[in-house]
Amino acid sequence: MALLQVDDLQTRFISRDLDNQVRVAKAINGVGFSLGRGEVLGLVGETGAGKSLTAQSMIGLLRPPAKVVDGLVEFDGRDLLSMDPGALNALRGNEIALVVQNPLTSLDPLTRIGDQLIRVHRAHRKVSVAQARERAIDMMAAVGIPAPERRMRAWPHELSGGMAQRVLIAMALINEPKLLIADEPTTGLDVTVQAQILDLLRDMVRRMDMAAIVITHDLGVVAHYCDRMAVMFAGAIVESGPVDSVFAGPAHPYTQALISATPERLALGSGAIVGGPPPDLYALPEGCHYRGRCPHAAEVCGSAPPDREIGAGQVARCHFAGNLPAAFQ
């Protein structure tokens, strides 16, 4: 049984223009996937594809004018979309944890590191300050922070970016969540620190038998650290499947373009630039939303494309999935 099941998730931005006419942006359009314990799902796509908004929609972090209008998000047998705000708030930080980008702006600059960890733990556990402090020290050690007792007294501005990110991971894991969502967790960190942080996240997911969603625009991160991947474009998943299968045989033209545009392939002269603006979410075209940028677009693409199973759990939302020319040579 899946720990997390998402079906037909629909999110809209509803506002009014200068003439007081209602405007609706179709931001998330029918997103669906499942996730089991011990699995890491990579949610990938260009900026504006809807990756972070999908996660925010799932766990109740939207603010007006954004609104979930349809769909199902079932977590460990509970429907998150119908849960009252108090119960959902109790779930976040406890059974569901979020690691965000820019750690130095996510930590409270006026509170020592140890006090922040203690506060998070005691918000969801009936423990004494001494017990919470011991748990915080253990968690900081678990994520590779040296001299954790001393770091408990540190202020956020005294930490490097990599150290601050480790603190955020410790904070996310301190209550042993079942689901971890990491939203661009290594943005702004140097390559060596990025690798250390991602190795740490993957190791902790395995050791704690959690499920994890890694939101990123970096296909290298997905290739090395995720079990399955879901490629998003214009608020929808256009291809999903096991990482090895999708990289070996991308079946959607957008996935092909993303993979062929990696720095390694561009350096070899065998890649392609992913060009063109994203579609207007206030006026999405009928049919395939990618067809304005697709080199294989045909008349049939004016109708909604089906989800075609390519094999081994790989699915692509394209009329020609499985029958496209080779992505690259």
C-alpha atoms as a PDB file:
ATOM      1  CA  MET A   1       0.000   0.000   0.000  1.00  0.00           C
ATOM      2  CA  ALA A   2       1.307   3.455  -0.940  1.00  0.00           C
ATOM      3  CA  LEU A   3       2.149   5.855   1.856  1.00  0.00           C
ATOM      4  CA  LEU A   4       1.170   8.791  -0.372  1.00  0.00           C
ATOM      5  CA  GLN A   5      -1.410   8.700  -3.157  1.00  0.00           C
ATOM      6  CA  VAL A   6      -2.114  11.779  -5.268  1.00  0.00           C
ATOM      7  CA  ASP A   7      -4.864  11.682  -7.915  1.00  0.00           C
ATOM      8  CA  ASP A   8      -6.029  14.384 -10.336  1.00  0.00           C
ATOM      9  CA  LEU A   9      -4.745  17.300  -8.227  1.00  0.00           C
ATOM     10  CA  GLN A  10      -6.044  20.640  -9.574  1.00  0.00           C
ATOM     11  CA  THR A  11      -4.898  24.046  -8.311  1.00  0.00           C
ATOM     12  CA  ARG A  12      -6.083  27.432  -9.574  1.00  0.00           C
ATOM     13  CA  PHE A  13      -5.080  31.041  -9.037  1.00  0.00           C
ATOM     14  CA  ILE A  14      -8.346  32.984  -8.954  1.00  0.00           C
ATOM     15  CA  SER A  15      -8.124  36.773  -9.119  1.00  0.00           C
ATOM     16  CA  ARG A  16      -9.675  39.829 -10.761  1.00  0.00           C
ATOM     17  CA  ASP A  17      -8.184  42.132 -13.351  1.00  0.00           C
ATOM     18  CA  LEU A  18      -8.381  45.938 -13.466  1.00  0.00           C
ATOM     19  CA  ASP A  19     -11.870  45.679 -14.991  1.00  0.00           C
ATOM     20  CA  ASN A  20     -12.990  43.467 -12.087  1.00  0.00           C
ATOM     21  CA  GLN A  21     -13.261  40.454 -14.368  1.00  0.00           C
ATOM     22  CA  VAL A  22     -12.444  37.078 -12.838  1.00  0.00           C
ATOM     23  CA  ARG A  23      -9.171  35.561 -14.080  1.00  0.00           C
ATOM     24  CA  VAL A  24      -8.283  31.911 -13.507  1.00  0.00           C
ATOM     25  CA  ALA A  25      -4.791  30.502 -13.941  1.00  0.00           C
ATOM     26  CA  LYS A  26      -4.721  26.717 -14.324  1.00  0.00           C
ATOM     27  CA  ALA A  27      -1.565  26.207 -12.292  1.00  0.00           C
ATOM     28  CA  ILE A  28      -1.766  22.471 -11.446  1.00  0.00           C
ATOM     29  CA  ASN A  29      -3.611  20.270 -13.907  1.00  0.00           C
ATOM     30  CA  GLY A  30      -4.366  16.688 -12.994  1.00  0.00           C
ATOM     31  CA  VAL A  31      -1.178  15.720 -11.163  1.00  0.00           C
ATOM     32  CA  GLY A  32      -1.134  12.148  -9.893  1.00  0.00           C
ATOM     33  CA  PHE A  33       1.460   9.750  -8.472  1.00  0.00           C
ATOM     34  CA  SER A  34       2.014   7.297  -5.624  1.00  0.00           C
ATOM     35  CA  LEU A  35       4.920   6.884  -3.258  1.00  0.00           C
ATOM     36  CA  GLY A  36       5.893   4.093  -0.896  1.00  0.00           C
ATOM     37  CA  ARG A  37       8.185   3.937   2.118  1.00  0.00           C
ATOM     38  CA  GLY A  38      11.872   3.857   1.241  1.00  0.00           C
ATOM     39  CA  GLU A  39      11.259   5.448  -2.161  1.00  0.00           C
ATOM     40  CA  VAL A  40      12.681   8.730  -3.430  1.00  0.00           C
ATOM     41  CA  LEU A  41      10.691  10.491  -6.153  1.00  0.00           C
ATOM     42  CA  GLY A  42      12.328  13.239  -8.190  1.00  0.00           C
ATOM     43  CA  LEU A  43       9.924  15.967  -9.319  1.00  0.00           C
ATOM     44  CA  VAL A  44      11.685  17.732 -12.183  1.00  0.00           C
ATOM     45  CA  GLY A  45      10.958  20.419 -14.755  1.00  0.00           C
ATOM     46  CA  GLU A  46      11.846  23.965 -15.718  1.00  0.00           C
ATOM     47  CA  THR A  47      11.065  26.969 -13.544  1.00  0.00           C
ATOM     48  CA  GLY A  48       7.301  27.563 -13.428  1.00  0.00           C
ATOM     49  CA  ALA A  49       6.403  23.946 -14.222  1.00  0.00           C
ATOM     50  CA  GLY A  50       4.488  23.617 -10.950  1.00  0.00           C
ATOM     51  CA  LYS A  51       6.856  21.465  -8.885  1.00  0.00           C
ATOM     52  CA  SER A  52       6.866  23.459  -5.638  1.00  0.00           C
ATOM     53  CA  LEU A  53       3.214  24.425  -6.053  1.00  0.00           C
ATOM     54  CA  THR A  54       2.303  20.738  -6.253  1.00  0.00           C
ATOM     55  CA  ALA A  55       3.951  20.107  -2.879  1.00  0.00           C
ATOM     56  CA  GLN A  56       2.348  23.193  -1.332  1.00  0.00           C
ATOM     57  CA  SER A  57      -1.058  22.110  -2.650  1.00  0.00           C
ATOM     58  CA  MET A  58      -0.643  18.636  -1.183  1.00  0.00           C
ATOM     59  CA  ILE A  59       0.163  19.707   2.370  1.00  0.00           C
ATOM     60  CA  GLY A  60      -2.015  22.793   2.751  1.00  0.00           C
ATOM     61  CA  LEU A  61       0.538  25.578   2.375  1.00  0.00           C
ATOM     62  CA  LEU A  62      -1.312  27.564  -0.282  1.00  0.00           C
ATOM     63  CA  ARG A  63      -2.302  31.173   0.286  1.00  0.00           C
ATOM     64  CA  PRO A  64      -4.928  33.167  -1.645  1.00  0.00           C
ATOM     65  CA  PRO A  65      -5.407  33.581  -4.528  1.00  0.00           C
ATOM     66  CA  ALA A  66      -4.196  29.974  -4.907  1.00  0.00           C
ATOM     67  CA  LYS A  67      -6.757  27.247  -4.213  1.00  0.00           C
ATOM     68  CA  VAL A  68      -7.031  23.486  -4.680  1.00  0.00           C
ATOM     69  CA  VAL A  69     -10.261  22.913  -6.602  1.00  0.00           C
ATOM     70  CA  ASP A  70     -10.217  19.150  -7.116  1.00  0.00           C
ATOM     71  CA  GLY A  71      -8.302  15.961  -6.563  1.00  0.00           C
ATOM     72  CA  LEU A  72      -7.272  13.509  -3.865  1.00  0.00           C
ATOM     73  CA  VAL A  73      -4.215  13.561  -1.612  1.00  0.00           C
ATOM     74  CA  GLU A  74      -4.222  10.526   0.649  1.00  0.00           C
ATOM     75  CA  PHE A  75      -1.405  10.213   3.165  1.00  0.00           C
ATOM     76  CA  ASP A  76      -1.180   7.099   5.315  1.00  0.00           C
ATOM     77  CA  GLY A  77      -4.916   6.539   4.866  1.00  0.00           C
ATOM     78  CA  ARG A  78      -5.958  10.153   5.561  1.00  0.00           C
ATOM     79  CA  ASP A  79      -7.357  12.631   3.041  1.00  0.00           C
ATOM     80  CA  LEU A  80      -5.230  15.746   3.454  1.00  0.00           C
ATOM     81  CA  LEU A  81      -7.487  17.945   1.312  1.00  0.00           C
ATOM     82  CA  SER A  82     -10.467  17.446   3.604  1.00  0.00           C
ATOM     83  CA  MET A  83      -8.511  17.700   6.850  1.00  0.00           C
ATOM     84  CA  ASP A  84      -9.222  20.709   9.068  1.00  0.00           C
ATOM     85  CA  PRO A  85      -6.386  23.276   9.322  1.00  0.00           C
ATOM     86  CA  GLY A  86      -5.557  22.431  12.936  1.00  0.00           C
ATOM     87  CA  ALA A  87      -5.117  18.721  12.250  1.00  0.00           C
ATOM     88  CA  LEU A  88      -3.121  19.423   9.111  1.00  0.00           C
ATOM     89  CA  ASN A  89      -0.852  21.812  10.979  1.00  0.00           C
ATOM     90  CA  ALA A  90      -0.225  19.129  13.598  1.00  0.00           C
ATOM     91  CA  LEU A  91       0.734  16.719  10.810  1.00  0.00           C
ATOM     92  CA  ARG A  92       3.273  19.083   9.246  1.00  0.00           C
ATOM     93  CA  GLY A  93       6.581  19.019  11.056  1.00  0.00           C
ATOM     94  CA  ASN A  94       5.615  15.723  12.641  1.00  0.00           C
ATOM     95  CA  GLU A  95       4.647  13.065  10.086  1.00  0.00           C
ATOM     96  CA  ILE A  96       5.359  15.278   7.067  1.00  0.00           C
ATOM     97  CA  ALA A  97       8.518  17.378   6.983  1.00  0.00           C
ATOM     98  CA  LEU A  98       9.714  20.011   4.541  1.00  0.00           C
ATOM     99  CA  VAL A  99      13.300  20.992   3.736  1.00  0.00           C
ATOM    100  CA  VAL A 100      13.435  24.239   1.786  1.00  0.00           C
ATOM    101  CA  GLN A 101      16.125  26.055  -0.164  1.00  0.00           C
ATOM    102  CA  ASN A 102      18.069  29.055   1.167  1.00  0.00           C
ATOM    103  CA  PRO A 103      18.643  27.704   4.698  1.00  0.00           C
ATOM    104  CA  LEU A 104      20.119  30.918   6.086  1.00  0.00           C
ATOM    105  CA  THR A 105      16.844  32.738   5.386  1.00  0.00           C
ATOM    106  CA  SER A 106      14.742  29.863   6.731  1.00  0.00           C
ATOM    107  CA  LEU A 107      16.283  29.820  10.200  1.00  0.00           C
ATOM    108  CA  ASP A 108      15.223  32.370  12.822  1.00  0.00           C
ATOM    109  CA  PRO A 109      18.164  34.805  12.999  1.00  0.00           C
ATOM    110  CA  LEU A 110      17.270  35.835  16.561  1.00  0.00           C
ATOM    111  CA  THR A 111      17.206  32.323  18.051  1.00  0.00           C
ATOM    112  CA  ARG A 112      20.101  29.989  18.748  1.00  0.00           C
ATOM    113  CA  ILE A 113      20.232  26.795  16.686  1.00  0.00           C
ATOM    114  CA  GLY A 114      19.640  24.498  19.649  1.00  0.00           C
ATOM    115  CA  ASP A 115      16.583  26.431  20.806  1.00  0.00           C
ATOM    116  CA  GLN A 116      15.047  26.175  17.339  1.00  0.00           C
ATOM    117  CA  LEU A 117      15.496  22.394  17.270  1.00  0.00           C
ATOM    118  CA  ILE A 118      14.129  22.038  20.801  1.00  0.00           C
ATOM    119  CA  ARG A 119      11.093  24.148  19.916  1.00  0.00           C
ATOM    120  CA  VAL A 120      10.256  22.010  16.861  1.00  0.00           C
ATOM    121  CA  HIS A 121      10.574  18.773  18.822  1.00  0.00           C
ATOM    122  CA  ARG A 122       8.473  19.930  21.779  1.00  0.00           C
ATOM    123  CA  ALA A 123       5.758  21.284  19.454  1.00  0.00           C
ATOM    124  CA  HIS A 124       4.901  17.682  18.548  1.00  0.00           C
ATOM    125  CA  ARG A 125       6.187  15.610  21.462  1.00  0.00           C
ATOM    126  CA  LYS A 126       5.368  15.741  25.171  1.00  0.00           C
ATOM    127  CA  VAL A 127       8.971  15.829  26.395  1.00  0.00           C
ATOM    128  CA  SER A 128      10.950  17.963  28.791  1.00  0.00           C
ATOM    129  CA  VAL A 129      13.401  20.611  27.664  1.00  0.00           C
ATOM    130  CA  ALA A 130      16.268  18.340  28.746  1.00  0.00           C
ATOM    131  CA  GLN A 131      14.907  15.428  26.712  1.00  0.00           C
ATOM    132  CA  ALA A 132      14.352  17.660  23.680  1.00  0.00           C
ATOM    133  CA  ARG A 133      17.889  19.017  24.007  1.00  0.00           C
ATOM    134  CA  GLU A 134      19.325  15.495  24.068  1.00  0.00           C
ATOM    135  CA  ARG A 135      17.272  14.572  21.006  1.00  0.00           C
ATOM    136  CA  ALA A 136      18.468  17.721  19.198  1.00  0.00           C
ATOM    137  CA  ILE A 137      22.115  16.919  19.913  1.00  0.00           C
ATOM    138  CA  ASP A 138      21.664  13.340  18.694  1.00  0.00           C
ATOM    139  CA  MET A 139      19.940  14.531  15.533  1.00  0.00           C
ATOM    140  CA  MET A 140      22.660  17.087  14.770  1.00  0.00           C
ATOM    141  CA  ALA A 141      25.265  14.355  15.156  1.00  0.00           C
ATOM    142  CA  ALA A 142      23.227  12.062  12.883  1.00  0.00           C
ATOM    143  CA  VAL A 143      23.311  14.605  10.049  1.00  0.00           C
ATOM    144  CA  GLY A 144      27.065  15.038  10.321  1.00  0.00           C
ATOM    145  CA  ILE A 145      27.380  18.275  12.291  1.00  0.00           C
ATOM    146  CA  PRO A 146      30.673  18.193  14.240  1.00  0.00           C
ATOM    147  CA  ALA A 147      30.724  19.130  17.931  1.00  0.00           C
ATOM    148  CA  PRO A 148      26.900  19.257  18.116  1.00  0.00           C
ATOM    149  CA  GLU A 149      26.857  20.387  21.767  1.00  0.00           C
ATOM    150  CA  ARG A 150      28.827  23.485  20.801  1.00  0.00           C
ATOM    151  CA  ARG A 151      26.741  24.100  17.662  1.00  0.00           C
ATOM    152  CA  MET A 152      23.597  24.091  19.797  1.00  0.00           C
ATOM    153  CA  ARG A 153      24.736  27.479  21.129  1.00  0.00           C
ATOM    154  CA  ALA A 154      25.510  28.929  17.688  1.00  0.00           C
ATOM    155  CA  TRP A 155      23.508  31.642  15.951  1.00  0.00           C
ATOM    156  CA  PRO A 156      22.375  31.047  12.335  1.00  0.00           C
ATOM    157  CA  HIS A 157      24.723  33.706  10.941  1.00  0.00           C
ATOM    158  CA  GLU A 158      27.685  31.787  12.364  1.00  0.00           C
ATOM    159  CA  LEU A 159      27.000  28.774  10.140  1.00  0.00           C
ATOM    160  CA  SER A 160      28.120  28.114   6.594  1.00  0.00           C
ATOM    161  CA  GLY A 161      25.474  27.391   3.957  1.00  0.00           C
ATOM    162  CA  GLY A 162      26.186  23.666   4.068  1.00  0.00           C
ATOM    163  CA  MET A 163      26.084  23.570   7.872  1.00  0.00           C
ATOM    164  CA  ALA A 164      22.826  25.544   7.924  1.00  0.00           C
ATOM    165  CA  GLN A 165      21.292  23.098   5.454  1.00  0.00           C
ATOM    166  CA  ARG A 166      22.278  20.209   7.710  1.00  0.00           C
ATOM    167  CA  VAL A 167      20.528  21.986  10.592  1.00  0.00           C
ATOM    168  CA  LEU A 168      17.357  22.251   8.504  1.00  0.00           C
ATOM    169  CA  ILE A 169      17.559  18.536   7.715  1.00  0.00           C
ATOM    170  CA  ALA A 170      18.016  17.754  11.403  1.00  0.00           C
ATOM    171  CA  MET A 171      15.005  19.953  12.157  1.00  0.00           C
ATOM    172  CA  ALA A 172      12.924  18.182   9.506  1.00  0.00           C
ATOM    173  CA  LEU A 173      13.862  14.712  10.774  1.00  0.00           C
ATOM    174  CA  ILE A 174      13.814  15.321  14.524  1.00  0.00           C
ATOM    175  CA  ASN A 175      10.272  13.950  14.878  1.00  0.00           C
ATOM    176  CA  GLU A 176      10.918  10.949  12.597  1.00  0.00           C
ATOM    177  CA  PRO A 177       8.475  11.889   9.805  1.00  0.00           C
ATOM    178  CA  LYS A 178       7.045   9.391   7.387  1.00  0.00           C
ATOM    179  CA  LEU A 179       7.306  11.743   4.398  1.00  0.00           C
ATOM    180  CA  LEU A 180      10.106  14.193   3.619  1.00  0.00           C
ATOM    181  CA  ILE A 181       9.713  16.870   0.939  1.00  0.00           C
ATOM    182  CA  ALA A 182      12.990  18.486  -0.114  1.00  0.00           C
ATOM    183  CA  ASP A 183      12.399  21.573  -2.275  1.00  0.00           C
ATOM    184  CA  GLU A 184      15.609  22.491  -4.131  1.00  0.00           C
ATOM    185  CA  PRO A 185      17.567  21.531  -0.996  1.00  0.00           C
ATOM    186  CA  THR A 186      21.019  22.347  -2.396  1.00  0.00           C
ATOM    187  CA  THR A 187      20.426  25.637  -4.233  1.00  0.00           C
ATOM    188  CA  GLY A 188      23.299  28.064  -3.647  1.00  0.00           C
ATOM    189  CA  LEU A 189      25.676  25.433  -2.249  1.00  0.00           C
ATOM    190  CA  ASP A 190      28.956  24.488  -3.921  1.00  0.00           C
ATOM    191  CA  VAL A 191      29.148  21.170  -5.769  1.00  0.00           C
ATOM    192  CA  THR A 192      30.982  19.277  -3.033  1.00  0.00           C
ATOM    193  CA  VAL A 193      28.544  20.360  -0.330  1.00  0.00           C
ATOM    194  CA  GLN A 194      25.596  19.588  -2.645  1.00  0.00           C
ATOM    195  CA  ALA A 195      26.790  15.990  -2.986  1.00  0.00           C
ATOM    196  CA  GLN A 196      27.256  15.647   0.778  1.00  0.00           C
ATOM    197  CA  ILE A 197      23.756  16.982   1.511  1.00  0.00           C
ATOM    198  CA  LEU A 198      22.086  14.761  -1.084  1.00  0.00           C
ATOM    199  CA  ASP A 199      24.014  11.692   0.088  1.00  0.00           C
ATOM    200  CA  LEU A 200      22.853  12.504   3.605  1.00  0.00           C
ATOM    201  CA  LEU A 201      19.200  12.867   2.563  1.00  0.00           C
ATOM    202  CA  ARG A 202      19.186   9.587   0.656  1.00  0.00           C
ATOM    203  CA  ASP A 203      20.901   7.769   3.528  1.00  0.00           C
ATOM    204  CA  MET A 204      18.445   9.119   6.103  1.00  0.00           C
ATOM    205  CA  VAL A 205      15.451   8.103   3.955  1.00  0.00           C
ATOM    206  CA  ARG A 206      16.753   4.536   3.812  1.00  0.00           C
ATOM    207  CA  ARG A 207      17.705   4.360   7.504  1.00  0.00           C
ATOM    208  CA  MET A 208      14.413   5.827   8.740  1.00  0.00           C
ATOM    209  CA  ASP A 209      12.230   3.995   6.160  1.00  0.00           C
ATOM    210  CA  MET A 210      10.636   7.234   4.989  1.00  0.00           C
ATOM    211  CA  ALA A 211       9.317   8.287   1.620  1.00  0.00           C
ATOM    212  CA  ALA A 212      10.836  11.383   0.026  1.00  0.00           C
ATOM    213  CA  ILE A 213      10.071  13.824  -2.764  1.00  0.00           C
ATOM    214  CA  VAL A 214      13.031  15.782  -4.138  1.00  0.00           C
ATOM    215  CA  ILE A 215      11.965  18.860  -6.106  1.00  0.00           C
ATOM    216  CA  THR A 216      14.653  20.017  -8.502  1.00  0.00           C
ATOM    217  CA  HIS A 217      15.447  21.346 -11.954  1.00  0.00           C
ATOM    218  CA  ASP A 218      18.725  19.384 -11.945  1.00  0.00           C
ATOM    219  CA  LEU A 219      18.498  16.104 -13.832  1.00  0.00           C
ATOM    220  CA  GLY A 220      21.860  15.057 -12.413  1.00  0.00           C
ATOM    221  CA  VAL A 221      20.340  15.087  -8.922  1.00  0.00           C
ATOM    222  CA  VAL A 222      17.450  12.932 -10.132  1.00  0.00           C
ATOM    223  CA  ALA A 223      19.754  10.477 -11.913  1.00  0.00           C
ATOM    224  CA  HIS A 224      21.986   9.901  -8.889  1.00  0.00           C
ATOM    225  CA  TYR A 225      19.658  10.157  -5.915  1.00  0.00           C
ATOM    226  CA  CYS A 226      16.104   9.192  -6.949  1.00  0.00           C
ATOM    227  CA  ASP A 227      14.390   5.870  -7.593  1.00  0.00           C
ATOM    228  CA  ARG A 228      11.569   7.241  -9.744  1.00  0.00           C
ATOM    229  CA  MET A 229      11.001  10.545 -11.501  1.00  0.00           C
ATOM    230  CA  ALA A 230       8.064  12.645 -12.660  1.00  0.00           C
ATOM    231  CA  VAL A 231       8.620  15.288 -15.324  1.00  0.00           C
ATOM    232  CA  MET A 232       6.349  18.340 -15.083  1.00  0.00           C
ATOM    233  CA  PHE A 233       5.361  20.853 -17.747  1.00  0.00           C
ATOM    234  CA  ALA A 234       2.634  23.514 -17.442  1.00  0.00           C
ATOM    235  CA  GLY A 235       1.346  22.110 -14.169  1.00  0.00           C
ATOM    236  CA  ALA A 236       1.026  18.504 -15.318  1.00  0.00           C
ATOM    237  CA  ILE A 237       3.158  15.371 -15.218  1.00  0.00           C
ATOM    238  CA  VAL A 238       4.033  14.563 -18.821  1.00  0.00           C
ATOM    239  CA  GLU A 239       6.235  11.536 -18.104  1.00  0.00           C
ATOM    240  CA  SER A 240       6.990   9.357 -15.099  1.00  0.00           C
ATOM    241  CA  GLY A 241       8.693   6.095 -14.311  1.00  0.00           C
ATOM    242  CA  PRO A 242      11.816   4.462 -12.914  1.00  0.00           C
ATOM    243  CA  VAL A 243      14.808   6.773 -13.276  1.00  0.00           C
ATOM    244  CA  ASP A 244      16.881   4.285 -15.271  1.00  0.00           C
ATOM    245  CA  SER A 245      14.041   3.597 -17.715  1.00  0.00           C
ATOM    246  CA  VAL A 246      13.239   7.265 -18.358  1.00  0.00           C
ATOM    247  CA  PHE A 247      16.864   8.242 -18.894  1.00  0.00           C
ATOM    248  CA  ALA A 248      17.494   5.237 -21.161  1.00  0.00           C
ATOM    249  CA  GLY A 249      14.401   5.865 -23.284  1.00  0.00           C
ATOM    250  CA  PRO A 250      12.575   9.164 -22.720  1.00  0.00           C
ATOM    251  CA  ALA A 251       9.177   8.837 -24.388  1.00  0.00           C
ATOM    252  CA  HIS A 252       7.854  12.423 -24.213  1.00  0.00           C
ATOM    253  CA  PRO A 253       9.458  15.105 -26.423  1.00  0.00           C
ATOM    254  CA  TYR A 254       9.804  17.454 -23.458  1.00  0.00           C
ATOM    255  CA  THR A 255      11.692  14.814 -21.463  1.00  0.00           C
ATOM    256  CA  GLN A 256      13.874  14.209 -24.510  1.00  0.00           C
ATOM    257  CA  ALA A 257      14.640  17.914 -24.747  1.00  0.00           C
ATOM    258  CA  LEU A 258      15.485  18.193 -21.043  1.00  0.00           C
ATOM    259  CA  ILE A 259      17.866  15.238 -21.107  1.00  0.00           C
ATOM    260  CA  SER A 260      19.545  16.332 -24.330  1.00  0.00           C
ATOM    261  CA  ALA A 261      20.062  19.813 -22.848  1.00  0.00           C
ATOM    262  CA  THR A 262      22.197  18.638 -19.930  1.00  0.00           C
ATOM    263  CA  PRO A 263      25.611  20.384 -19.769  1.00  0.00           C
ATOM    264  CA  GLU A 264      27.429  17.151 -20.602  1.00  0.00           C
ATOM    265  CA  ARG A 265      25.540  16.660 -23.865  1.00  0.00           C
ATOM    266  CA  LEU A 266      25.760  20.319 -24.813  1.00  0.00           C
ATOM    267  CA  ALA A 267      29.529  20.191 -24.278  1.00  0.00           C
ATOM    268  CA  LEU A 268      29.708  17.229 -26.661  1.00  0.00           C
ATOM    269  CA  GLY A 269      27.654  19.085 -29.235  1.00  0.00           C
ATOM    270  CA  SER A 270      24.936  16.429 -29.177  1.00  0.00           C
ATOM    271  CA  GLY A 271      22.394  18.268 -27.081  1.00  0.00           C
ATOM    272  CA  ALA A 272      19.534  20.633 -27.753  1.00  0.00           C
ATOM    273  CA  ILE A 273      18.496  23.829 -26.027  1.00  0.00           C
ATOM    274  CA  VAL A 274      15.066  23.686 -24.388  1.00  0.00           C
ATOM    275  CA  GLY A 275      13.643  26.806 -26.020  1.00  0.00           C
ATOM    276  CA  GLY A 276      10.446  28.786 -26.015  1.00  0.00           C
ATOM    277  CA  PRO A 277       8.314  30.346 -23.287  1.00  0.00           C
ATOM    278  CA  PRO A 278       5.939  28.269 -21.164  1.00  0.00           C
ATOM    279  CA  PRO A 279       2.258  28.470 -22.124  1.00  0.00           C
ATOM    280  CA  ASP A 280       0.036  31.134 -20.578  1.00  0.00           C
ATOM    281  CA  LEU A 281      -1.653  29.465 -17.593  1.00  0.00           C
ATOM    282  CA  TYR A 282      -4.555  31.927 -17.935  1.00  0.00           C
ATOM    283  CA  ALA A 283      -5.181  30.717 -21.493  1.00  0.00           C
ATOM    284  CA  LEU A 284      -3.922  27.163 -21.826  1.00  0.00           C
ATOM    285  CA  PRO A 285      -4.385  25.813 -25.349  1.00  0.00           C
ATOM    286  CA  GLU A 286      -6.686  22.886 -26.004  1.00  0.00           C
ATOM    287  CA  GLY A 287      -5.036  19.523 -26.373  1.00  0.00           C
ATOM    288  CA  CYS A 288      -1.351  19.038 -25.642  1.00  0.00           C
ATOM    289  CA  HIS A 289       0.054  22.057 -23.790  1.00  0.00           C
ATOM    290  CA  TYR A 290       3.543  21.333 -25.109  1.00  0.00           C
ATOM    291  CA  ARG A 291       2.657  21.378 -28.776  1.00  0.00           C
ATOM    292  CA  GLY A 292       3.701  25.003 -29.285  1.00  0.00           C
ATOM    293  CA  ARG A 293       7.296  23.986 -28.551  1.00  0.00           C
ATOM    294  CA  CYS A 294       7.222  20.409 -29.814  1.00  0.00           C
ATOM    295  CA  PRO A 295       9.153  19.500 -32.998  1.00  0.00           C
ATOM    296  CA  HIS A 296       6.821  16.541 -33.555  1.00  0.00           C
ATOM    297  CA  ALA A 297       3.510  18.424 -33.197  1.00  0.00           C
ATOM    298  CA  ALA A 298       0.745  17.283 -35.558  1.00  0.00           C
ATOM    299  CA  GLU A 299      -2.966  17.936 -36.032  1.00  0.00           C
ATOM    300  CA  VAL A 300      -3.899  15.238 -33.520  1.00  0.00           C
ATOM    301  CA  CYS A 301      -2.073  17.193 -30.799  1.00  0.00           C
ATOM    302  CA  GLY A 302      -5.031  19.582 -30.732  1.00  0.00           C
ATOM    303  CA  SER A 303      -6.846  16.909 -28.728  1.00  0.00           C
ATOM    304  CA  ALA A 304      -5.911  15.880 -25.194  1.00  0.00           C
ATOM    305  CA  PRO A 305      -3.092  13.307 -25.276  1.00  0.00           C
ATOM    306  CA  PRO A 306      -3.530   9.987 -23.484  1.00  0.00           C
ATOM    307  CA  ASP A 307      -1.258   8.575 -20.804  1.00  0.00           C
ATOM    308  CA  ARG A 308       0.553   5.813 -22.680  1.00  0.00           C
ATOM    309  CA  GLU A 309       2.354   3.047 -20.797  1.00  0.00           C
ATOM    310  CA  ILE A 310       5.745   2.432 -22.354  1.00  0.00           C
ATOM    311  CA  GLY A 311       6.658  -0.449 -20.086  1.00  0.00           C
ATOM    312  CA  ALA A 312       8.189  -1.195 -16.677  1.00  0.00           C
ATOM    313  CA  GLY A 313       6.056   1.478 -15.013  1.00  0.00           C
ATOM    314  CA  GLN A 314       7.050   4.232 -17.451  1.00  0.00           C
ATOM    315  CA  VAL A 315       4.143   6.404 -18.629  1.00  0.00           C
ATOM    316  CA  ALA A 316       4.152   9.372 -21.023  1.00  0.00           C
ATOM    317  CA  ARG A 317       1.313  11.786 -21.821  1.00  0.00           C
ATOM    318  CA  CYS A 318       1.775  12.061 -25.585  1.00  0.00           C
ATOM    319  CA  HIS A 319      -0.053  10.877 -28.706  1.00  0.00           C
ATOM    320  CA  PHE A 320       3.244   9.601 -30.117  1.00  0.00           C
ATOM    321  CA  ALA A 321       4.842   8.226 -26.948  1.00  0.00           C
ATOM    322  CA  GLY A 322       6.938   5.210 -27.834  1.00  0.00           C
ATOM    323  CA  ASN A 323       6.979   6.190 -31.507  1.00  0.00           C
ATOM    324  CA  LEU A 324       9.166   9.313 -31.400  1.00  0.00           C
ATOM    325  CA  PRO A 325      12.535   9.526 -33.128  1.00  0.00           C
ATOM    326  CA  ALA A 326      15.557   8.769 -30.936  1.00  0.00           C
ATOM    327  CA  ALA A 327      16.170  11.572 -28.481  1.00  0.00           C
ATOM    328  CA  PHE A 328      19.891  11.757 -29.178  1.00  0.00           C
ATOM    329  CA  GLN A 329      22.645   9.785 -30.769  1.00  0.00           C
END
